[in-house]
Amino acid sequence: MTLAPNRDVEPIVWSGCYDAGWKGLIVDAAFSHPAKMSRNLVVRIFDELFAIGAIRKGDLVLDPFAGIGTTGIESAARCCRFVGVELEPKFIGLARQNFELHRRDWDAMGRPQPVILQGVTIP
């Protein structure tokens, strides 16, 4: 079965989502992750969620594929609580290092500290 496109919906085009990077916001070793979330893309996603009222300060953000914690960095910057789950111990360690880079600033501004947890695979 093929679904026909909904011609009544005007597409939204997001441009510039890959223009900025994470340099200075994550530890250098974190650049080894093969699938980092684009900095401007995660910012744009949060901007859109706040604009449509889908998320507010203090809300909980869950990322089941947290990687090196970039979504957690943006969550904390926006006063949102964050729990991320990652399978790879290497990336969990890098996420914690990335969070540590910002801990003093978040504490000083009363921002919630992001959390990353070890996920498990179920056979």
Protein backbone atom coordinates (compact mmCIF):
# COMPACT_ATOMS: atom_id res chain seq x y z
CA MET A 1 0.00 0.00 0.00
CA THR A 2 1.32 3.42 -0.92
CA LEU A 3 0.26 6.48 1.02
CA ALA A 4 -0.43 9.61 -0.95
CA PRO A 5 1.17 12.79 0.38
CA ASN A 6 -1.14 15.13 2.25
CA ARG A 7 -1.32 18.09 -0.11
CA ASP A 8 -3.06 20.24 2.51
CA VAL A 9 0.02 20.38 4.71
CA GLU A 10 2.60 23.04 3.91
CA PRO A 11 6.09 21.64 4.48
CA ILE A 12 8.40 23.48 6.87
CA VAL A 13 11.96 23.82 5.67
CA TRP A 14 14.70 24.08 8.26
CA SER A 15 17.90 25.49 6.87
CA GLY A 16 21.26 26.01 8.51
CA CYS A 17 20.89 22.99 10.77
CA TYR A 18 24.45 21.86 10.11
CA ASP A 19 26.26 25.20 10.24
CA ALA A 20 27.57 25.22 13.85
CA GLY A 21 29.64 22.68 15.69
CA TRP A 22 30.31 21.50 19.22
CA LYS A 23 33.90 22.78 19.48
CA GLY A 24 34.47 24.09 23.00
CA LEU A 25 31.18 22.59 24.25
CA ILE A 26 32.28 18.94 24.37
CA VAL A 27 35.60 17.29 25.17
CA ASP A 28 37.86 16.64 22.20
CA ALA A 29 37.62 12.85 22.59
CA ALA A 30 33.82 13.08 22.11
CA PHE A 31 34.35 13.98 18.46
CA SER A 32 35.20 10.29 17.95
CA HIS A 33 31.47 9.41 18.15
CA PRO A 34 30.39 8.43 14.62
CA ALA A 35 26.89 9.96 14.82
CA LYS A 36 26.95 13.16 16.86
CA MET A 37 23.76 15.21 16.87
CA SER A 38 24.26 18.38 14.84
CA ARG A 39 24.52 21.41 17.16
CA ASN A 40 22.13 23.61 15.19
CA LEU A 41 19.73 20.73 14.63
CA VAL A 42 19.32 20.01 18.35
CA VAL A 43 18.94 23.75 19.00
CA ARG A 44 16.29 23.96 16.28
CA ILE A 45 14.42 20.96 17.65
CA PHE A 46 14.33 22.52 21.13
CA ASP A 47 13.32 25.91 19.69
CA GLU A 48 10.42 24.26 17.87
CA LEU A 49 9.31 22.20 20.89
CA PHE A 50 9.27 25.31 23.08
CA ALA A 51 7.51 27.39 20.41
CA ILE A 52 4.64 24.92 20.01
CA GLY A 53 4.34 24.38 23.75
CA ALA A 54 5.35 20.73 23.63
CA ILE A 55 8.02 21.34 26.27
CA ARG A 56 8.56 23.91 29.03
CA LYS A 57 11.31 24.74 31.52
CA GLY A 58 11.48 22.06 34.17
CA ASP A 59 10.11 19.31 31.92
CA LEU A 60 11.90 15.98 31.62
CA VAL A 61 13.64 15.11 28.36
CA LEU A 62 14.49 11.46 27.71
CA ASP A 63 16.96 10.43 25.03
CA PRO A 64 17.13 6.63 24.61
CA PHE A 65 20.12 6.97 22.27
CA ALA A 66 22.07 9.58 24.22
CA GLY A 67 25.53 8.95 22.78
CA ILE A 68 27.94 11.57 24.10
CA GLY A 69 25.21 13.62 25.76
CA THR A 70 24.71 16.54 23.39
CA THR A 71 20.94 16.52 23.89
CA GLY A 72 21.59 16.64 27.63
CA ILE A 73 23.78 19.71 27.22
CA GLU A 74 21.02 21.55 25.37
CA SER A 75 18.37 20.31 27.83
CA ALA A 76 20.28 21.68 30.82
CA ALA A 77 20.95 24.96 29.00
CA ARG A 78 17.17 25.33 28.63
CA CYS A 79 16.40 24.46 32.27
CA CYS A 80 15.00 21.04 31.39
CA ARG A 81 15.75 17.91 33.33
CA PHE A 82 17.44 15.21 31.26
CA VAL A 83 17.93 11.46 31.42
CA GLY A 84 19.86 9.80 28.65
CA VAL A 85 20.46 6.11 28.03
CA GLU A 86 23.46 4.77 26.14
CA LEU A 87 24.73 1.23 25.59
CA GLU A 88 28.42 1.93 24.94
CA PRO A 89 30.47 2.51 28.13
CA LYS A 90 32.98 4.63 26.15
CA PHE A 91 30.26 7.09 25.13
CA ILE A 92 28.74 7.14 28.63
CA GLY A 93 32.13 8.22 29.95
CA LEU A 94 32.42 10.91 27.29
CA ALA A 95 28.90 12.18 28.04
CA ARG A 96 29.80 12.48 31.72
CA GLN A 97 32.97 14.37 30.80
CA ASN A 98 30.92 16.66 28.55
CA PHE A 99 28.45 17.33 31.37
CA GLU A 100 31.33 18.05 33.74
CA LEU A 101 32.56 20.82 31.41
CA HIS A 102 29.35 22.72 32.14
CA ARG A 103 28.61 21.65 35.74
CA ARG A 104 29.87 24.83 37.45
CA ASP A 105 27.94 27.11 35.11
CA TRP A 106 24.75 25.04 35.46
CA ASP A 107 25.12 25.03 39.25
CA ALA A 108 25.66 28.79 39.31
CA MET A 109 22.53 29.36 37.19
CA GLY A 110 20.40 26.80 39.04
CA ARG A 111 20.11 24.54 36.01
CA PRO A 112 19.33 20.84 36.45
CA GLN A 113 22.24 18.45 35.96
CA PRO A 114 21.77 15.94 33.11
CA VAL A 115 22.04 12.23 33.89
CA ILE A 116 23.20 9.41 31.62
CA LEU A 117 22.52 5.76 32.39
CA GLN A 118 23.93 2.49 31.08
CA GLY A 119 21.41 0.70 28.91
CA VAL A 120 21.32 -3.04 28.45
CA THR A 121 20.49 -5.27 25.52
CA ILE A 122 17.95 -7.99 26.03
CA PRO A 123 18.69 -11.20 24.13
